């Protein structure tokens, strides 16, 4: 895994040197948009609809839309003057019960791993959090943005979860109908609670899988296996594509399927 941040957890007078790693990654199948005629990936250009010209990076500035179609321009220098220096510490502000943080506040999740010289301090904090059932509420400046986060222990590993700021969590007051619920009969509520009890069991994430992603992957593999290799050749003017693990596996599948494709053609010629 590639570490995204290197610093330390400030815990009273104790500093725990750690590295941060992204805990999750999307496994969805991604597609590129191609020109139908030649299968070349299409490009997007930034243009000004008023001047009808293509823009270079030096022609573009940032603007905040304070009213419809009205902007105030913010220079890079002005923005940089407000940017805080990236912090090298996760400052623990206080500790709390995990259930006190509503999951709606959770944003991104990261693993924290100790540096070689910080293993004991890391184990101390992890064990203390585990034994007390607490989480640590911390602040830091990550990627030049001030962040609020919580640190918890799971299976001996410290996990950092960045949190949305309170004003970033939408309130429920404007949701339709939920604040004027109709009356529920006691027997209906009892039956609903019994149904919940009957369908309750420990949560096992391994019991779930993305069926659509698996079907799309099988579809792509099948199309590669059935296709004429010449039809899959990239256009001469096409830019080099980034190699990803899925496509690498699919290309290997294609090579394995080539003898079968050639045999099919030979059989067709003999029978015709």
Protein backbone atom coordinates (compact mmCIF):
# COMPACT_ATOMS: atom_id res chain seq x y z
CA UNK A 1 0.00 0.00 0.00
CA UNK A 2 1.09 3.55 -0.71
CA UNK A 3 1.11 5.87 2.32
CA UNK A 4 -0.79 9.12 1.82
CA UNK A 5 0.49 11.03 4.83
CA UNK A 6 3.29 10.79 7.34
CA UNK A 7 3.22 12.42 10.75
CA UNK A 8 2.30 11.67 14.34
CA UNK A 9 -0.63 11.46 16.71
CA UNK A 10 -0.35 13.96 19.54
CA UNK A 11 -1.67 12.20 22.65
CA UNK A 12 -1.02 14.29 25.76
CA UNK A 13 2.76 14.29 26.07
CA UNK A 14 3.03 11.24 23.83
CA UNK A 15 3.70 11.42 20.12
CA UNK A 16 2.86 8.35 18.04
CA UNK A 17 4.67 8.45 14.67
CA UNK A 18 2.37 6.96 12.04
CA UNK A 19 1.69 6.69 8.34
CA UNK A 20 -1.77 6.94 6.83
CA UNK A 21 -3.13 4.56 4.19
CA UNK A 22 -6.47 4.66 2.38
CA UNK A 23 -8.68 1.91 3.79
CA UNK A 24 -11.13 1.57 0.90
CA UNK A 25 -11.07 1.60 -2.89
CA UNK A 26 -13.79 1.44 -5.50
CA UNK A 27 -13.90 -1.82 -7.46
CA UNK A 28 -16.48 -0.63 -9.97
CA UNK A 29 -15.89 -1.30 -13.68
CA UNK A 30 -14.96 1.93 -15.42
CA UNK A 31 -15.52 2.70 -19.08
CA UNK A 32 -13.92 5.23 -21.40
CA UNK A 33 -15.90 7.16 -23.98
CA UNK A 34 -14.62 6.36 -27.50
CA UNK A 35 -15.16 7.68 -31.00
CA UNK A 36 -17.46 5.06 -32.49
CA UNK A 37 -15.75 5.07 -35.88
CA UNK A 38 -12.14 4.45 -34.81
CA UNK A 39 -12.41 3.51 -31.10
CA UNK A 40 -10.14 6.38 -30.04
CA UNK A 41 -10.73 7.86 -26.55
CA UNK A 42 -12.34 11.25 -26.94
CA UNK A 43 -10.80 14.39 -25.45
CA UNK A 44 -12.43 17.30 -23.67
CA UNK A 45 -11.34 20.88 -24.23
CA UNK A 46 -12.07 23.93 -22.10
CA UNK A 47 -13.68 26.64 -24.19
CA UNK A 48 -15.30 30.00 -23.57
CA UNK A 49 -18.88 29.97 -24.94
CA UNK A 50 -18.82 33.78 -25.30
CA UNK A 51 -15.49 34.19 -27.10
CA UNK A 52 -15.71 30.82 -28.87
CA UNK A 53 -12.03 30.07 -28.21
CA UNK A 54 -10.18 27.19 -26.59
CA UNK A 55 -8.56 28.19 -23.30
CA UNK A 56 -5.13 27.45 -21.90
CA UNK A 57 -4.49 27.07 -18.18
CA UNK A 58 -3.12 30.63 -17.93
CA UNK A 59 -6.41 31.96 -19.33
CA UNK A 60 -8.48 30.49 -16.50
CA UNK A 61 -9.17 32.08 -13.09
CA UNK A 62 -11.32 31.05 -10.13
CA UNK A 63 -14.65 32.75 -9.58
CA UNK A 64 -17.25 32.51 -6.81
CA UNK A 65 -20.85 32.85 -8.04
CA UNK A 66 -22.47 35.13 -5.46
CA UNK A 67 -25.59 35.59 -7.62
CA UNK A 68 -26.89 33.95 -10.79
CA UNK A 69 -24.33 34.74 -13.48
CA UNK A 70 -22.44 37.16 -11.20
CA UNK A 71 -18.91 36.28 -10.07
CA UNK A 72 -16.18 37.63 -7.86
CA UNK A 73 -12.69 36.59 -8.97
CA UNK A 74 -10.32 35.06 -6.41
CA UNK A 75 -6.63 35.03 -7.36
CA UNK A 76 -4.41 32.06 -6.56
CA UNK A 77 -2.21 34.28 -4.39
CA UNK A 78 -5.22 35.41 -2.33
CA UNK A 79 -6.33 31.81 -1.83
CA UNK A 80 -2.84 30.61 -0.93
CA UNK A 81 -2.60 33.30 1.76
CA UNK A 82 -5.58 31.67 3.49
CA UNK A 83 -4.29 28.12 3.07
CA UNK A 84 -2.92 26.55 6.21
CA UNK A 85 0.33 24.65 6.12
CA UNK A 86 -0.14 20.92 5.93
CA UNK A 87 0.07 19.60 9.48
CA UNK A 88 2.39 16.83 10.59
CA UNK A 89 0.30 15.96 13.61
CA UNK A 90 -3.14 14.61 14.40
CA UNK A 91 -4.01 16.53 17.55
CA UNK A 92 -6.34 14.59 19.86
CA UNK A 93 -8.76 17.11 21.35
CA UNK A 94 -10.73 14.77 23.60
CA UNK A 95 -12.16 11.26 23.86
CA UNK A 96 -15.78 10.17 23.48
CA UNK A 97 -18.02 7.14 23.23
CA UNK A 98 -18.25 5.80 19.69
CA UNK A 99 -22.05 5.87 19.70
CA UNK A 100 -21.95 9.62 20.34
CA UNK A 101 -20.78 10.22 16.76
CA UNK A 102 -23.66 9.66 14.36
CA UNK A 103 -22.53 7.73 11.24
CA UNK A 104 -23.89 10.55 9.06
CA UNK A 105 -20.76 12.52 10.03
CA UNK A 106 -18.35 9.87 8.65
CA UNK A 107 -16.56 10.78 5.43
CA UNK A 108 -13.40 8.88 4.40
CA UNK A 109 -11.67 6.03 6.21
CA UNK A 110 -7.92 5.46 6.56
CA UNK A 111 -5.63 3.01 8.31
CA UNK A 112 -2.88 4.31 10.57
CA UNK A 113 0.26 2.19 10.85
CA UNK A 114 3.17 2.86 13.22
CA UNK A 115 6.67 3.80 12.25
CA UNK A 116 9.38 1.44 13.46
CA UNK A 117 10.26 3.72 16.39
CA UNK A 118 6.64 4.22 17.41
CA UNK A 119 5.32 0.68 17.79
CA UNK A 120 5.08 0.75 21.59
CA UNK A 121 3.32 4.12 21.71
CA UNK A 122 0.98 2.93 18.94
CA UNK A 123 0.14 -0.26 20.86
CA UNK A 124 -0.41 1.80 24.03
CA UNK A 125 -2.98 4.07 22.36
CA UNK A 126 -4.66 1.19 20.51
CA UNK A 127 -5.01 -0.91 23.69
CA UNK A 128 -6.25 2.07 25.72
CA UNK A 129 -8.93 2.88 23.15
CA UNK A 130 -9.94 -0.78 22.92
CA UNK A 131 -10.12 -1.31 26.68
CA UNK A 132 -12.12 1.86 27.34
CA UNK A 133 -14.38 1.55 24.30
CA UNK A 134 -13.62 5.16 23.45
CA UNK A 135 -12.72 6.99 20.26
CA UNK A 136 -10.34 9.92 19.99
CA UNK A 137 -11.63 13.13 18.42
CA UNK A 138 -8.81 14.90 16.58
CA UNK A 139 -8.13 17.85 14.29
CA UNK A 140 -5.44 18.31 11.66
CA UNK A 141 -4.67 19.95 8.34
CA UNK A 142 -4.71 17.29 5.65
CA UNK A 143 -4.16 18.26 2.00
CA UNK A 144 -4.20 21.95 3.02
CA UNK A 145 -7.74 21.61 4.38
CA UNK A 146 -8.51 21.68 8.09
CA UNK A 147 -10.18 18.42 9.02
CA UNK A 148 -12.01 16.95 11.97
CA UNK A 149 -11.62 13.22 12.51
CA UNK A 150 -12.05 10.39 14.95
CA UNK A 151 -9.54 7.66 15.70
CA UNK A 152 -10.75 4.24 16.82
CA UNK A 153 -9.26 0.80 17.27
CA UNK A 154 -10.35 -2.28 15.34
CA UNK A 155 -8.51 -5.60 15.49
CA UNK A 156 -5.41 -3.92 16.88
CA UNK A 157 -5.31 -1.32 14.09
CA UNK A 158 -5.92 2.39 14.57
CA UNK A 159 -8.47 3.67 12.06
CA UNK A 160 -8.88 7.33 11.19
CA UNK A 161 -12.25 8.49 9.90
CA UNK A 162 -12.54 12.06 8.68
CA UNK A 163 -15.76 13.79 9.71
CA UNK A 164 -18.00 16.30 8.01
CA UNK A 165 -18.23 19.65 9.77
CA UNK A 166 -21.60 20.24 11.49
CA UNK A 167 -22.74 22.78 8.89
CA UNK A 168 -22.00 20.25 6.12
CA UNK A 169 -24.61 17.81 7.44
CA UNK A 170 -28.02 18.68 6.06
CA UNK A 171 -30.87 19.05 8.49
CA UNK A 172 -34.03 16.97 8.20
CA UNK A 173 -36.51 19.80 8.75
CA UNK A 174 -37.30 20.21 5.05
CA UNK A 175 -37.89 16.51 4.36
CA UNK A 176 -41.49 15.84 3.29
CA UNK A 177 -43.92 13.94 5.53
CA UNK A 178 -41.41 12.51 8.02
CA UNK A 179 -42.25 14.99 10.78
CA UNK A 180 -46.01 14.37 10.62
CA UNK A 181 -46.14 10.58 10.98
CA UNK A 182 -49.56 8.91 10.95
CA UNK A 183 -50.70 6.95 13.97
CA UNK A 184 -49.39 3.37 14.14
CA UNK A 185 -51.54 0.72 15.80
CA UNK A 186 -49.88 -1.11 18.73
CA UNK A 187 -50.48 -4.52 17.10
CA UNK A 188 -48.85 -3.31 13.85
CA UNK A 189 -45.81 -2.11 15.76
CA UNK A 190 -45.60 -5.41 17.65
CA UNK A 191 -45.70 -7.42 14.41
CA UNK A 192 -43.00 -5.19 12.85
CA UNK A 193 -40.76 -5.66 15.88
CA UNK A 194 -41.26 -9.46 15.73
CA UNK A 195 -40.33 -9.45 12.04
CA UNK A 196 -37.16 -7.49 12.82
CA UNK A 197 -36.24 -10.01 15.51
CA UNK A 198 -36.80 -12.94 13.15
CA UNK A 199 -34.62 -11.42 10.42
CA UNK A 200 -31.85 -10.29 12.76
CA UNK A 201 -28.40 -11.88 12.71
CA UNK A 202 -24.78 -10.70 13.05
CA UNK A 203 -23.62 -8.53 10.17
CA UNK A 204 -21.22 -10.34 7.84
CA UNK A 205 -19.99 -8.12 4.98
CA UNK A 206 -18.51 -11.16 3.20
CA UNK A 207 -22.06 -12.40 2.59
CA UNK A 208 -22.65 -9.52 0.14
CA UNK A 209 -21.15 -8.94 -3.29
CA UNK A 210 -21.67 -6.63 -6.24
CA UNK A 211 -23.60 -8.82 -8.68
CA UNK A 212 -23.80 -6.18 -11.41
CA UNK A 213 -20.03 -5.59 -11.38
CA UNK A 214 -19.43 -9.34 -11.70
CA UNK A 215 -21.89 -9.52 -14.60
CA UNK A 216 -20.23 -6.58 -16.38
CA UNK A 217 -16.79 -8.16 -15.95
CA UNK A 218 -18.06 -11.46 -17.39
CA UNK A 219 -19.65 -9.57 -20.29
CA UNK A 220 -16.35 -7.82 -21.11
CA UNK A 221 -14.39 -11.07 -20.84
CA UNK A 222 -16.88 -12.84 -23.11
CA UNK A 223 -16.76 -10.08 -25.73
CA UNK A 224 -12.96 -10.19 -25.69
CA UNK A 225 -12.95 -13.96 -26.05
CA UNK A 226 -15.42 -13.90 -28.97
CA UNK A 227 -13.98 -10.92 -30.83
CA UNK A 228 -11.61 -10.95 -33.77
CA UNK A 229 -8.20 -9.87 -32.41
CA UNK A 230 -7.73 -7.56 -35.40
CA UNK A 231 -10.91 -5.70 -34.46
CA UNK A 232 -9.52 -5.10 -30.97
CA UNK A 233 -6.28 -3.55 -32.23
CA UNK A 234 -5.97 0.10 -31.06
CA UNK A 235 -6.15 2.85 -33.66
CA UNK A 236 -2.77 4.05 -34.91
CA UNK A 237 -3.42 7.57 -33.62
CA UNK A 238 -4.79 6.47 -30.25
CA UNK A 239 -2.81 7.62 -27.20
CA UNK A 240 -1.25 4.97 -24.99
CA UNK A 241 -3.76 3.74 -22.45
CA UNK A 242 -3.07 3.36 -18.74
CA UNK A 243 -2.76 -0.28 -17.76
CA UNK A 244 -5.08 -1.34 -14.99
CA UNK A 245 -5.32 -4.69 -13.29
CA UNK A 246 -8.68 -5.63 -14.79
CA UNK A 247 -7.65 -4.87 -18.36
CA UNK A 248 -4.37 -6.70 -17.86
CA UNK A 249 -6.32 -9.79 -16.83
CA UNK A 250 -8.68 -9.38 -19.75
CA UNK A 251 -5.82 -9.05 -22.25
CA UNK A 252 -4.35 -12.29 -20.92
CA UNK A 253 -7.75 -13.91 -21.35
CA UNK A 254 -7.81 -12.66 -24.94
CA UNK A 255 -4.43 -14.23 -25.70
CA UNK A 256 -5.60 -17.51 -24.21
CA UNK A 257 -8.70 -17.36 -26.41
CA UNK A 258 -6.84 -16.62 -29.68
CA UNK A 259 -6.15 -20.31 -30.56
CA UNK A 260 -9.83 -21.10 -30.09
CA UNK A 261 -10.81 -18.18 -32.33
CA UNK A 262 -8.39 -19.35 -35.05
CA UNK A 263 -9.75 -22.89 -34.84
CA UNK A 264 -13.28 -21.57 -35.34
CA UNK A 265 -12.21 -19.73 -38.49
CA UNK A 266 -10.40 -22.79 -39.88
CA UNK A 267 -13.46 -24.96 -39.24
CA UNK A 268 -15.73 -22.45 -40.98
CA UNK A 269 -13.45 -22.36 -44.07
CA UNK A 270 -13.38 -26.16 -44.32
CA UNK A 271 -17.14 -26.48 -44.04
CA UNK A 272 -17.85 -23.68 -46.51
